[in-house]
Amino acid sequence: MLEELNSDHVTLQYKGLYNATIASLKDGLAKNSSKLQDDFYLSTFHPIMDYTLQTIYYELPRLTGMDMSDWITPYLFENMNFRVLKDHSLQLYNLNTSLSDTKTSSFLIKSSGDAESFGKNGNMEFEELNDIQKKINPLSTNLSHNDVFPTIRESISHKKILDEEGLIVVACLINRTPNLGGLARTCEIFNVKELVISSMSQIKNKEFQNLSVSAENWITITETKPYELCKYLLNKKDMGWSLVGAEQTANSTNLLNMKFEKKTILILGNEKDGIPANLIPLFDTCIEIPQVGVIRSLNVHVTGAICIWQYAKQHILT
């Protein structure tokens, strides 16, 4: 750019920066090009010649460090009577063994912004990839697709009926549907015994379902109207349940110091007004989440999720 400007003044003023930039680029290219060329994706893989089921389902998962349970051998497709069409570009096997003979060699560019992310002269370094994102599959089963969902629902419902302990989350004071949907998802993930809402019609709401991602199919959800809540809590207390309100009060317990009973009911307040004052005397304790910011309180779904996590650490994940 400086050469195109053809200005002695500009060239002299920025000559040091210009020379440093050129030197840095040359040094970086020389240092990293060999590492790039060693990677299978740039040195061995051919997007046309290697366009096969063997590459897609076996070689690429193997070379990118995916778990072995995710590798699918081409023999499986043969057993499924996969037919190779001569005129079709997608074939079953690779024409040569170059990709099969290649060892795993994946690199990524660190972009954390730390000083360690840069080598000498400020060049970005490459680091071998030793961890990848992997989604768990809790529905691994030999059942057919038509049988799996009803069977799991029955199993979960039967287990929760038999359990006399657990965490019940009372959310019937919450008005906003997205908060309820997100809370349902959290409850399912941490095996909450029951979620109590004000109306069963809420689970049919699209906003609820977008946030719950089908959690309503796997957890027990019951209905209690806000005006019935006092009676509901008194009945549960008579049955030996510990009532815990998520509310900031003069005598509330720091969540970090809270020891949950196995039979606990967690009561969450309204987004705006919190928990009604007439209910607080019914509780065995109120808990609050320690904060260091200026804003007074967390979103009710976030509050519920943190409290559920603390209970799960003590009684479910141990």
C-alpha atoms as a PDB file:
ATOM      1  CA  MET A   1       0.000   0.000   0.000  1.00  0.00           C
ATOM      2  CA  LEU A   2       2.837   2.352   0.892  1.00  0.00           C
ATOM      3  CA  GLU A   3       4.503   1.643  -2.432  1.00  0.00           C
ATOM      4  CA  GLU A   4       1.290   2.466  -4.293  1.00  0.00           C
ATOM      5  CA  LEU A   5       0.947   5.767  -2.441  1.00  0.00           C
ATOM      6  CA  ASN A   6       4.396   6.736  -3.731  1.00  0.00           C
ATOM      7  CA  SER A   7       4.843   9.257  -0.956  1.00  0.00           C
ATOM      8  CA  ASP A   8       8.286   9.640   0.590  1.00  0.00           C
ATOM      9  CA  HIS A   9       6.806  11.348   3.642  1.00  0.00           C
ATOM     10  CA  VAL A  10       4.343   8.539   4.377  1.00  0.00           C
ATOM     11  CA  THR A  11       6.911   5.858   3.571  1.00  0.00           C
ATOM     12  CA  LEU A  12       9.456   7.312   5.970  1.00  0.00           C
ATOM     13  CA  GLN A  13       6.881   7.853   8.718  1.00  0.00           C
ATOM     14  CA  TYR A  14       5.555   4.271   8.658  1.00  0.00           C
ATOM     15  CA  LYS A  15       8.598   2.453   7.313  1.00  0.00           C
ATOM     16  CA  GLY A  16       9.313   0.741  10.634  1.00  0.00           C
ATOM     17  CA  LEU A  17       5.747  -0.537  10.937  1.00  0.00           C
ATOM     18  CA  TYR A  18       5.765  -1.648   7.299  1.00  0.00           C
ATOM     19  CA  ASN A  19       9.008  -3.620   7.647  1.00  0.00           C
ATOM     20  CA  ALA A  20       7.880  -5.208  10.912  1.00  0.00           C
ATOM     21  CA  THR A  21       4.584  -6.313   9.339  1.00  0.00           C
ATOM     22  CA  ILE A  22       6.291  -7.879   6.320  1.00  0.00           C
ATOM     23  CA  ALA A  23       8.822  -9.696   8.510  1.00  0.00           C
ATOM     24  CA  SER A  24       6.103 -10.989  10.808  1.00  0.00           C
ATOM     25  CA  LEU A  25       4.007 -12.311   7.925  1.00  0.00           C
ATOM     26  CA  LYS A  26       6.947 -14.064   6.298  1.00  0.00           C
ATOM     27  CA  ASP A  27       8.051 -15.643   9.572  1.00  0.00           C
ATOM     28  CA  GLY A  28       4.521 -16.788  10.400  1.00  0.00           C
ATOM     29  CA  LEU A  29       3.966 -18.365   7.003  1.00  0.00           C
ATOM     30  CA  ALA A  30       7.238 -20.248   7.153  1.00  0.00           C
ATOM     31  CA  LYS A  31       6.588 -21.512  10.672  1.00  0.00           C
ATOM     32  CA  ASN A  32       2.987 -22.619  10.271  1.00  0.00           C
ATOM     33  CA  SER A  33       2.859 -23.814   6.668  1.00  0.00           C
ATOM     34  CA  SER A  34       4.610 -27.090   7.503  1.00  0.00           C
ATOM     35  CA  LYS A  35       2.120 -27.767  10.292  1.00  0.00           C
ATOM     36  CA  LEU A  36      -0.779 -27.013   7.983  1.00  0.00           C
ATOM     37  CA  GLN A  37       0.607 -29.343   5.337  1.00  0.00           C
ATOM     38  CA  ASP A  38       0.890 -32.149   7.877  1.00  0.00           C
ATOM     39  CA  ASP A  39      -2.829 -32.004   8.569  1.00  0.00           C
ATOM     40  CA  PHE A  40      -4.761 -34.681   6.662  1.00  0.00           C
ATOM     41  CA  TYR A  41      -7.390 -32.199   5.500  1.00  0.00           C
ATOM     42  CA  LEU A  42      -4.841 -30.214   3.487  1.00  0.00           C
ATOM     43  CA  SER A  43      -2.314 -32.903   2.621  1.00  0.00           C
ATOM     44  CA  THR A  44      -4.265 -36.113   1.953  1.00  0.00           C
ATOM     45  CA  PHE A  45      -7.991 -35.535   1.804  1.00  0.00           C
ATOM     46  CA  HIS A  46      -9.469 -35.040  -1.683  1.00  0.00           C
ATOM     47  CA  PRO A  47     -13.067 -33.759  -1.668  1.00  0.00           C
ATOM     48  CA  ILE A  48     -13.946 -35.509  -4.938  1.00  0.00           C
ATOM     49  CA  MET A  49     -11.857 -38.683  -4.950  1.00  0.00           C
ATOM     50  CA  ASP A  50     -12.675 -39.335  -1.282  1.00  0.00           C
ATOM     51  CA  TYR A  51     -16.399 -38.683  -1.610  1.00  0.00           C
ATOM     52  CA  THR A  52     -17.477 -42.054  -0.199  1.00  0.00           C
ATOM     53  CA  LEU A  53     -19.452 -43.460   2.702  1.00  0.00           C
ATOM     54  CA  GLN A  54     -16.182 -44.787   4.084  1.00  0.00           C
ATOM     55  CA  THR A  55     -14.803 -41.243   4.292  1.00  0.00           C
ATOM     56  CA  ILE A  56     -17.960 -39.611   5.616  1.00  0.00           C
ATOM     57  CA  TYR A  57     -18.886 -42.129   8.293  1.00  0.00           C
ATOM     58  CA  TYR A  58     -15.570 -43.716   9.233  1.00  0.00           C
ATOM     59  CA  GLU A  59     -12.402 -41.903   8.147  1.00  0.00           C
ATOM     60  CA  LEU A  60     -13.429 -38.321   8.977  1.00  0.00           C
ATOM     61  CA  PRO A  61     -14.839 -39.207  12.422  1.00  0.00           C
ATOM     62  CA  ARG A  62     -11.635 -41.158  13.133  1.00  0.00           C
ATOM     63  CA  LEU A  63      -9.294 -38.416  11.936  1.00  0.00           C
ATOM     64  CA  THR A  64     -11.134 -35.633  13.764  1.00  0.00           C
ATOM     65  CA  GLY A  65     -10.953 -37.412  17.113  1.00  0.00           C
ATOM     66  CA  MET A  66     -14.591 -38.387  17.507  1.00  0.00           C
ATOM     67  CA  ASP A  67     -15.459 -41.144  19.946  1.00  0.00           C
ATOM     68  CA  MET A  68     -15.106 -44.648  18.491  1.00  0.00           C
ATOM     69  CA  SER A  69     -18.785 -45.300  19.161  1.00  0.00           C
ATOM     70  CA  ASP A  70     -19.543 -42.725  16.453  1.00  0.00           C
ATOM     71  CA  TRP A  71     -17.468 -44.462  13.750  1.00  0.00           C
ATOM     72  CA  ILE A  72     -19.516 -46.423  11.200  1.00  0.00           C
ATOM     73  CA  THR A  73     -17.618 -48.901   9.079  1.00  0.00           C
ATOM     74  CA  PRO A  74     -18.514 -49.385   5.408  1.00  0.00           C
ATOM     75  CA  TYR A  75     -19.161 -53.064   6.153  1.00  0.00           C
ATOM     76  CA  LEU A  76     -22.307 -52.018   7.973  1.00  0.00           C
ATOM     77  CA  PHE A  77     -23.651 -50.446   4.790  1.00  0.00           C
ATOM     78  CA  GLU A  78     -22.877 -53.667   2.942  1.00  0.00           C
ATOM     79  CA  ASN A  79     -24.894 -55.601   5.497  1.00  0.00           C
ATOM     80  CA  MET A  80     -27.741 -53.158   4.913  1.00  0.00           C
ATOM     81  CA  ASN A  81     -27.633 -54.032   1.190  1.00  0.00           C
ATOM     82  CA  PHE A  82     -26.250 -50.683   0.103  1.00  0.00           C
ATOM     83  CA  ARG A  83     -26.115 -50.657  -3.694  1.00  0.00           C
ATOM     84  CA  VAL A  84     -23.244 -48.939  -5.474  1.00  0.00           C
ATOM     85  CA  LEU A  85     -24.321 -47.204  -8.671  1.00  0.00           C
ATOM     86  CA  LYS A  86     -21.602 -46.795 -11.272  1.00  0.00           C
ATOM     87  CA  ASP A  87     -22.896 -43.460 -12.529  1.00  0.00           C
ATOM     88  CA  HIS A  88     -23.381 -41.988  -9.061  1.00  0.00           C
ATOM     89  CA  SER A  89     -20.623 -39.893  -7.485  1.00  0.00           C
ATOM     90  CA  LEU A  90     -21.152 -41.348  -4.003  1.00  0.00           C
ATOM     91  CA  GLN A  91     -19.384 -44.684  -3.635  1.00  0.00           C
ATOM     92  CA  LEU A  92     -18.961 -47.061  -0.717  1.00  0.00           C
ATOM     93  CA  TYR A  93     -15.161 -47.478  -0.509  1.00  0.00           C
ATOM     94  CA  ASN A  94     -12.258 -45.159  -1.282  1.00  0.00           C
ATOM     95  CA  LEU A  95     -10.244 -45.996  -4.385  1.00  0.00           C
ATOM     96  CA  ASN A  96      -6.955 -45.949  -2.449  1.00  0.00           C
ATOM     97  CA  THR A  97      -5.750 -46.310   1.142  1.00  0.00           C
ATOM     98  CA  SER A  98      -4.112 -42.893   1.514  1.00  0.00           C
ATOM     99  CA  LEU A  99      -6.783 -41.621   3.904  1.00  0.00           C
ATOM    100  CA  SER A 100      -6.892 -44.920   5.816  1.00  0.00           C
ATOM    101  CA  ASP A 101      -3.117 -44.813   6.283  1.00  0.00           C
ATOM    102  CA  THR A 102      -3.245 -41.287   7.707  1.00  0.00           C
ATOM    103  CA  LYS A 103      -2.969 -40.812  11.447  1.00  0.00           C
ATOM    104  CA  THR A 104      -5.070 -38.381  13.445  1.00  0.00           C
ATOM    105  CA  SER A 105      -3.545 -34.918  13.179  1.00  0.00           C
ATOM    106  CA  SER A 106      -5.893 -32.069  13.974  1.00  0.00           C
ATOM    107  CA  PHE A 107      -4.839 -28.545  14.833  1.00  0.00           C
ATOM    108  CA  LEU A 108      -6.668 -25.450  15.879  1.00  0.00           C
ATOM    109  CA  ILE A 109      -5.690 -21.828  16.220  1.00  0.00           C
ATOM    110  CA  LYS A 110      -5.869 -20.551  19.751  1.00  0.00           C
ATOM    111  CA  SER A 111      -7.930 -17.401  19.873  1.00  0.00           C
ATOM    112  CA  SER A 112      -8.290 -16.771  23.580  1.00  0.00           C
ATOM    113  CA  GLY A 113      -6.382 -13.496  23.406  1.00  0.00           C
ATOM    114  CA  ASP A 114      -3.893 -14.548  26.105  1.00  0.00           C
ATOM    115  CA  ALA A 115      -0.239 -13.718  25.691  1.00  0.00           C
ATOM    116  CA  GLU A 116       0.524 -17.423  25.544  1.00  0.00           C
ATOM    117  CA  SER A 117      -1.608 -17.673  22.410  1.00  0.00           C
ATOM    118  CA  PHE A 118       1.045 -15.888  20.433  1.00  0.00           C
ATOM    119  CA  GLY A 119       4.519 -17.019  19.614  1.00  0.00           C
ATOM    120  CA  LYS A 120       7.603 -14.960  19.031  1.00  0.00           C
ATOM    121  CA  ASN A 121       7.011 -11.788  16.962  1.00  0.00           C
ATOM    122  CA  GLY A 122       3.272 -12.035  17.680  1.00  0.00           C
ATOM    123  CA  ASN A 123       2.594 -14.993  15.390  1.00  0.00           C
ATOM    124  CA  MET A 124      -0.382 -17.221  16.131  1.00  0.00           C
ATOM    125  CA  GLU A 125       0.669 -20.691  17.268  1.00  0.00           C
ATOM    126  CA  PHE A 126      -1.056 -23.971  16.466  1.00  0.00           C
ATOM    127  CA  GLU A 127      -1.989 -26.432  19.169  1.00  0.00           C
ATOM    128  CA  GLU A 128      -3.001 -30.044  18.813  1.00  0.00           C
ATOM    129  CA  LEU A 129      -6.701 -30.586  19.328  1.00  0.00           C
ATOM    130  CA  ASN A 130      -7.153 -32.832  22.369  1.00  0.00           C
ATOM    131  CA  ASP A 131     -10.776 -32.162  23.276  1.00  0.00           C
ATOM    132  CA  ILE A 132     -13.958 -31.882  21.242  1.00  0.00           C
ATOM    133  CA  GLN A 133     -17.603 -31.162  21.883  1.00  0.00           C
ATOM    134  CA  LYS A 134     -19.676 -34.312  22.348  1.00  0.00           C
ATOM    135  CA  LYS A 135     -23.387 -34.533  23.043  1.00  0.00           C
ATOM    136  CA  ILE A 136     -24.539 -37.276  25.380  1.00  0.00           C
ATOM    137  CA  ASN A 137     -27.264 -39.619  24.197  1.00  0.00           C
ATOM    138  CA  PRO A 138     -29.431 -40.633  27.186  1.00  0.00           C
ATOM    139  CA  LEU A 139     -31.797 -42.558  24.907  1.00  0.00           C
ATOM    140  CA  SER A 140     -29.286 -45.221  23.837  1.00  0.00           C
ATOM    141  CA  THR A 141     -31.464 -48.303  23.619  1.00  0.00           C
ATOM    142  CA  ASN A 142     -32.232 -51.367  21.530  1.00  0.00           C
ATOM    143  CA  LEU A 143     -35.933 -50.543  21.420  1.00  0.00           C
ATOM    144  CA  SER A 144     -37.534 -49.550  18.146  1.00  0.00           C
ATOM    145  CA  HIS A 145     -38.362 -45.906  17.487  1.00  0.00           C
ATOM    146  CA  ASN A 146     -42.078 -46.559  17.991  1.00  0.00           C
ATOM    147  CA  ASP A 147     -41.546 -48.203  21.373  1.00  0.00           C
ATOM    148  CA  VAL A 148     -38.830 -46.105  22.960  1.00  0.00           C
ATOM    149  CA  PHE A 149     -40.757 -42.968  23.972  1.00  0.00           C
ATOM    150  CA  PRO A 150     -43.810 -44.594  25.624  1.00  0.00           C
ATOM    151  CA  THR A 151     -41.542 -47.065  27.434  1.00  0.00           C
ATOM    152  CA  ILE A 152     -39.270 -44.342  28.806  1.00  0.00           C
ATOM    153  CA  ARG A 153     -42.247 -42.246  29.889  1.00  0.00           C
ATOM    154  CA  GLU A 154     -43.757 -45.197  31.768  1.00  0.00           C
ATOM    155  CA  SER A 155     -40.417 -46.019  33.396  1.00  0.00           C
ATOM    156  CA  ILE A 156     -39.836 -42.442  34.560  1.00  0.00           C
ATOM    157  CA  SER A 157     -43.398 -42.019  35.846  1.00  0.00           C
ATOM    158  CA  HIS A 158     -43.251 -45.346  37.705  1.00  0.00           C
ATOM    159  CA  LYS A 159     -39.927 -44.424  39.336  1.00  0.00           C
ATOM    160  CA  LYS A 160     -41.183 -41.008  40.462  1.00  0.00           C
ATOM    161  CA  ILE A 161     -44.357 -42.505  41.947  1.00  0.00           C
ATOM    162  CA  LEU A 162     -42.301 -44.992  43.964  1.00  0.00           C
ATOM    163  CA  ASP A 163     -39.842 -42.346  45.184  1.00  0.00           C
ATOM    164  CA  GLU A 164     -40.915 -40.796  48.469  1.00  0.00           C
ATOM    165  CA  GLU A 165     -38.043 -38.347  48.360  1.00  0.00           C
ATOM    166  CA  GLY A 166     -36.833 -35.776  45.893  1.00  0.00           C
ATOM    167  CA  LEU A 167     -37.188 -32.143  44.925  1.00  0.00           C
ATOM    168  CA  ILE A 168     -40.524 -30.559  44.030  1.00  0.00           C
ATOM    169  CA  VAL A 169     -40.288 -27.173  42.333  1.00  0.00           C
ATOM    170  CA  VAL A 170     -43.313 -24.927  42.814  1.00  0.00           C
ATOM    171  CA  ALA A 171     -43.507 -22.397  39.989  1.00  0.00           C
ATOM    172  CA  CYS A 172     -47.211 -21.558  39.985  1.00  0.00           C
ATOM    173  CA  LEU A 173     -46.449 -17.928  40.902  1.00  0.00           C
ATOM    174  CA  ILE A 174     -44.411 -17.457  37.711  1.00  0.00           C
ATOM    175  CA  ASN A 175     -46.284 -15.741  34.882  1.00  0.00           C
ATOM    176  CA  ARG A 176     -43.901 -15.606  31.929  1.00  0.00           C
ATOM    177  CA  THR A 177     -44.048 -18.667  29.706  1.00  0.00           C
ATOM    178  CA  PRO A 178     -40.355 -18.625  28.639  1.00  0.00           C
ATOM    179  CA  ASN A 179     -39.315 -18.800  32.301  1.00  0.00           C
ATOM    180  CA  LEU A 180     -41.514 -21.856  32.811  1.00  0.00           C
ATOM    181  CA  GLY A 181     -40.198 -23.544  29.670  1.00  0.00           C
ATOM    182  CA  GLY A 182     -36.584 -23.035  30.669  1.00  0.00           C
ATOM    183  CA  LEU A 183     -37.343 -24.179  34.201  1.00  0.00           C
ATOM    184  CA  ALA A 184     -38.973 -27.374  32.892  1.00  0.00           C
ATOM    185  CA  ARG A 185     -35.817 -28.151  30.924  1.00  0.00           C
ATOM    186  CA  THR A 186     -33.650 -27.649  34.017  1.00  0.00           C
ATOM    187  CA  CYS A 187     -35.973 -29.831  36.092  1.00  0.00           C
ATOM    188  CA  GLU A 188     -35.747 -32.676  33.592  1.00  0.00           C
ATOM    189  CA  ILE A 189     -31.963 -32.524  33.355  1.00  0.00           C
ATOM    190  CA  PHE A 190     -31.512 -32.736  37.136  1.00  0.00           C
ATOM    191  CA  ASN A 191     -34.253 -35.304  37.780  1.00  0.00           C
ATOM    192  CA  VAL A 192     -36.628 -33.061  39.712  1.00  0.00           C
ATOM    193  CA  LYS A 193     -39.493 -35.122  41.104  1.00  0.00           C
ATOM    194  CA  GLU A 194     -42.267 -32.717  40.147  1.00  0.00           C
ATOM    195  CA  LEU A 195     -42.815 -29.272  38.648  1.00  0.00           C
ATOM    196  CA  VAL A 196     -45.910 -27.384  39.811  1.00  0.00           C
ATOM    197  CA  ILE A 197     -47.347 -24.697  37.517  1.00  0.00           C
ATOM    198  CA  SER A 198     -50.531 -22.635  37.598  1.00  0.00           C
ATOM    199  CA  SER A 199     -52.127 -24.045  34.430  1.00  0.00           C
ATOM    200  CA  MET A 200     -51.477 -27.152  32.356  1.00  0.00           C
ATOM    201  CA  SER A 201     -52.383 -25.160  29.254  1.00  0.00           C
ATOM    202  CA  GLN A 202     -49.013 -23.408  29.553  1.00  0.00           C
ATOM    203  CA  ILE A 203     -47.115 -26.491  28.368  1.00  0.00           C
ATOM    204  CA  LYS A 204     -48.912 -26.291  25.010  1.00  0.00           C
ATOM    205  CA  ASN A 205     -47.637 -22.775  24.408  1.00  0.00           C
ATOM    206  CA  LYS A 206     -45.027 -22.539  21.619  1.00  0.00           C
ATOM    207  CA  GLU A 207     -42.803 -20.282  23.718  1.00  0.00           C
ATOM    208  CA  PHE A 208     -42.830 -22.888  26.473  1.00  0.00           C
ATOM    209  CA  GLN A 209     -41.985 -25.716  24.081  1.00  0.00           C
ATOM    210  CA  ASN A 210     -39.189 -23.753  22.404  1.00  0.00           C
ATOM    211  CA  LEU A 211     -37.448 -23.402  25.765  1.00  0.00           C
ATOM    212  CA  SER A 212     -38.378 -26.780  27.259  1.00  0.00           C
ATOM    213  CA  VAL A 213     -37.182 -28.776  24.197  1.00  0.00           C
ATOM    214  CA  SER A 214     -39.629 -31.627  25.037  1.00  0.00           C
ATOM    215  CA  ALA A 215     -38.888 -31.704  28.803  1.00  0.00           C
ATOM    216  CA  GLU A 216     -42.637 -31.782  29.489  1.00  0.00           C
ATOM    217  CA  ASN A 217     -42.676 -35.302  28.030  1.00  0.00           C
ATOM    218  CA  TRP A 218     -40.234 -36.638  30.623  1.00  0.00           C
ATOM    219  CA  ILE A 219     -41.086 -34.947  33.915  1.00  0.00           C
ATOM    220  CA  THR A 220     -44.138 -34.900  36.144  1.00  0.00           C
ATOM    221  CA  ILE A 221     -45.940 -31.561  35.824  1.00  0.00           C
ATOM    222  CA  THR A 222     -48.965 -30.787  37.983  1.00  0.00           C
ATOM    223  CA  GLU A 223     -51.297 -27.830  38.346  1.00  0.00           C
ATOM    224  CA  THR A 224     -51.937 -25.724  41.429  1.00  0.00           C
ATOM    225  CA  LYS A 225     -53.590 -22.330  41.235  1.00  0.00           C
ATOM    226  CA  PRO A 226     -51.865 -19.493  43.124  1.00  0.00           C
ATOM    227  CA  TYR A 227     -54.875 -19.109  45.441  1.00  0.00           C
ATOM    228  CA  GLU A 228     -54.576 -22.818  46.317  1.00  0.00           C
ATOM    229  CA  LEU A 229     -50.862 -22.640  47.073  1.00  0.00           C
ATOM    230  CA  CYS A 230     -51.161 -22.051  50.823  1.00  0.00           C
ATOM    231  CA  LYS A 231     -53.331 -25.158  51.271  1.00  0.00           C
ATOM    232  CA  TYR A 232     -51.029 -27.183  49.006  1.00  0.00           C
ATOM    233  CA  LEU A 233     -47.940 -26.252  51.034  1.00  0.00           C
ATOM    234  CA  LEU A 234     -49.602 -26.976  54.389  1.00  0.00           C
ATOM    235  CA  ASN A 235     -50.631 -30.436  53.182  1.00  0.00           C
ATOM    236  CA  LYS A 236     -47.103 -31.173  51.987  1.00  0.00           C
ATOM    237  CA  LYS A 237     -45.629 -29.934  55.252  1.00  0.00           C
ATOM    238  CA  ASP A 238     -47.885 -32.312  57.181  1.00  0.00           C
ATOM    239  CA  MET A 239     -46.492 -35.107  54.984  1.00  0.00           C
ATOM    240  CA  GLY A 240     -42.949 -34.336  56.104  1.00  0.00           C
ATOM    241  CA  TRP A 241     -41.750 -32.147  53.258  1.00  0.00           C
ATOM    242  CA  SER A 242     -39.326 -29.299  53.964  1.00  0.00           C
ATOM    243  CA  LEU A 243     -40.537 -25.979  52.536  1.00  0.00           C
ATOM    244  CA  VAL A 244     -37.780 -23.752  51.144  1.00  0.00           C
ATOM    245  CA  GLY A 245     -38.510 -20.365  49.608  1.00  0.00           C
ATOM    246  CA  ALA A 246     -36.145 -18.681  47.171  1.00  0.00           C
ATOM    247  CA  GLU A 247     -36.487 -15.187  48.589  1.00  0.00           C
ATOM    248  CA  GLN A 248     -34.331 -12.470  50.110  1.00  0.00           C
ATOM    249  CA  THR A 249     -35.461 -11.938  53.704  1.00  0.00           C
ATOM    250  CA  ALA A 250     -33.953 -10.625  56.935  1.00  0.00           C
ATOM    251  CA  ASN A 251     -33.200 -14.189  58.066  1.00  0.00           C
ATOM    252  CA  SER A 252     -32.577 -15.935  54.742  1.00  0.00           C
ATOM    253  CA  THR A 253     -29.791 -18.519  54.492  1.00  0.00           C
ATOM    254  CA  ASN A 254     -26.903 -18.150  52.077  1.00  0.00           C
ATOM    255  CA  LEU A 255     -27.369 -20.818  49.407  1.00  0.00           C
ATOM    256  CA  LEU A 256     -23.724 -21.832  49.749  1.00  0.00           C
ATOM    257  CA  ASN A 257     -24.403 -22.828  53.371  1.00  0.00           C
ATOM    258  CA  MET A 258     -27.740 -24.519  52.730  1.00  0.00           C
ATOM    259  CA  LYS A 259     -28.122 -28.223  53.536  1.00  0.00           C
ATOM    260  CA  PHE A 260     -31.193 -29.445  51.689  1.00  0.00           C
ATOM    261  CA  GLU A 261     -33.420 -32.152  53.121  1.00  0.00           C
ATOM    262  CA  LYS A 262     -34.022 -35.053  50.751  1.00  0.00           C
ATOM    263  CA  LYS A 263     -37.747 -34.233  50.785  1.00  0.00           C
ATOM    264  CA  THR A 264     -37.643 -30.583  49.727  1.00  0.00           C
ATOM    265  CA  ILE A 265     -40.159 -28.294  48.086  1.00  0.00           C
ATOM    266  CA  LEU A 266     -38.575 -25.245  46.445  1.00  0.00           C
ATOM    267  CA  ILE A 267     -40.973 -22.320  46.076  1.00  0.00           C
ATOM    268  CA  LEU A 268     -40.156 -19.708  43.438  1.00  0.00           C
ATOM    269  CA  GLY A 269     -41.717 -16.258  43.429  1.00  0.00           C
ATOM    270  CA  ASN A 270     -43.371 -14.078  40.842  1.00  0.00           C
ATOM    271  CA  GLU A 271     -41.095 -12.259  38.379  1.00  0.00           C
ATOM    272  CA  LYS A 272     -42.085  -8.847  39.743  1.00  0.00           C
ATOM    273  CA  ASP A 273     -43.444  -9.307  43.263  1.00  0.00           C
ATOM    274  CA  GLY A 274     -41.542 -12.364  44.483  1.00  0.00           C
ATOM    275  CA  ILE A 275     -43.174 -14.632  47.073  1.00  0.00           C
ATOM    276  CA  PRO A 276     -46.273 -13.235  48.852  1.00  0.00           C
ATOM    277  CA  ALA A 277     -45.528 -12.193  52.436  1.00  0.00           C
ATOM    278  CA  ASN A 278     -48.316 -14.384  53.861  1.00  0.00           C
ATOM    279  CA  LEU A 279     -46.563 -17.549  52.604  1.00  0.00           C
ATOM    280  CA  ILE A 280     -43.121 -16.870  54.068  1.00  0.00           C
ATOM    281  CA  PRO A 281     -44.061 -17.850  57.674  1.00  0.00           C
ATOM    282  CA  LEU A 282     -44.956 -21.329  56.359  1.00  0.00           C
ATOM    283  CA  PHE A 283     -41.422 -22.001  55.157  1.00  0.00           C
ATOM    284  CA  ASP A 284     -38.805 -23.910  57.092  1.00  0.00           C
ATOM    285  CA  THR A 285     -36.228 -21.557  55.625  1.00  0.00           C
ATOM    286  CA  CYS A 286     -35.667 -18.987  52.912  1.00  0.00           C
ATOM    287  CA  ILE A 287     -32.532 -19.073  50.812  1.00  0.00           C
ATOM    288  CA  GLU A 288     -30.803 -16.358  48.840  1.00  0.00           C
ATOM    289  CA  ILE A 289     -28.045 -16.508  46.260  1.00  0.00           C
ATOM    290  CA  PRO A 290     -24.980 -14.418  47.169  1.00  0.00           C
ATOM    291  CA  GLN A 291     -24.462 -11.547  44.740  1.00  0.00           C
ATOM    292  CA  VAL A 292     -21.768  -8.971  44.110  1.00  0.00           C
ATOM    293  CA  GLY A 293     -23.410  -6.838  41.416  1.00  0.00           C
ATOM    294  CA  VAL A 294     -25.629  -3.775  41.594  1.00  0.00           C
ATOM    295  CA  ILE A 295     -28.850  -5.330  40.231  1.00  0.00           C
ATOM    296  CA  ARG A 296     -31.101  -6.494  43.055  1.00  0.00           C
ATOM    297  CA  SER A 297     -31.998  -9.997  41.904  1.00  0.00           C
ATOM    298  CA  LEU A 298     -31.615 -12.674  39.244  1.00  0.00           C
ATOM    299  CA  ASN A 299     -34.208 -13.793  36.725  1.00  0.00           C
ATOM    300  CA  VAL A 300     -36.514 -16.313  38.418  1.00  0.00           C
ATOM    301  CA  HIS A 301     -35.575 -19.126  36.023  1.00  0.00           C
ATOM    302  CA  VAL A 302     -31.881 -18.537  36.710  1.00  0.00           C
ATOM    303  CA  THR A 303     -32.573 -18.477  40.449  1.00  0.00           C
ATOM    304  CA  GLY A 304     -34.478 -21.738  40.198  1.00  0.00           C
ATOM    305  CA  ALA A 305     -31.751 -23.374  38.110  1.00  0.00           C
ATOM    306  CA  ILE A 306     -29.009 -22.436  40.593  1.00  0.00           C
ATOM    307  CA  CYS A 307     -31.034 -23.740  43.550  1.00  0.00           C
ATOM    308  CA  ILE A 308     -31.881 -26.967  41.705  1.00  0.00           C
ATOM    309  CA  TRP A 309     -28.191 -27.446  40.925  1.00  0.00           C
ATOM    310  CA  GLN A 310     -27.282 -27.044  44.596  1.00  0.00           C
ATOM    311  CA  TYR A 311     -29.871 -29.653  45.583  1.00  0.00           C
ATOM    312  CA  ALA A 312     -28.682 -31.986  42.818  1.00  0.00           C
ATOM    313  CA  LYS A 313     -25.067 -31.709  44.010  1.00  0.00           C
ATOM    314  CA  GLN A 314     -26.116 -32.845  47.478  1.00  0.00           C
ATOM    315  CA  HIS A 315     -28.622 -35.602  46.681  1.00  0.00           C
ATOM    316  CA  ILE A 316     -28.650 -36.571  42.987  1.00  0.00           C
ATOM    317  CA  LEU A 317     -25.156 -36.227  41.540  1.00  0.00           C
ATOM    318  CA  THR A 318     -23.335 -37.803  44.481  1.00  0.00           C
END
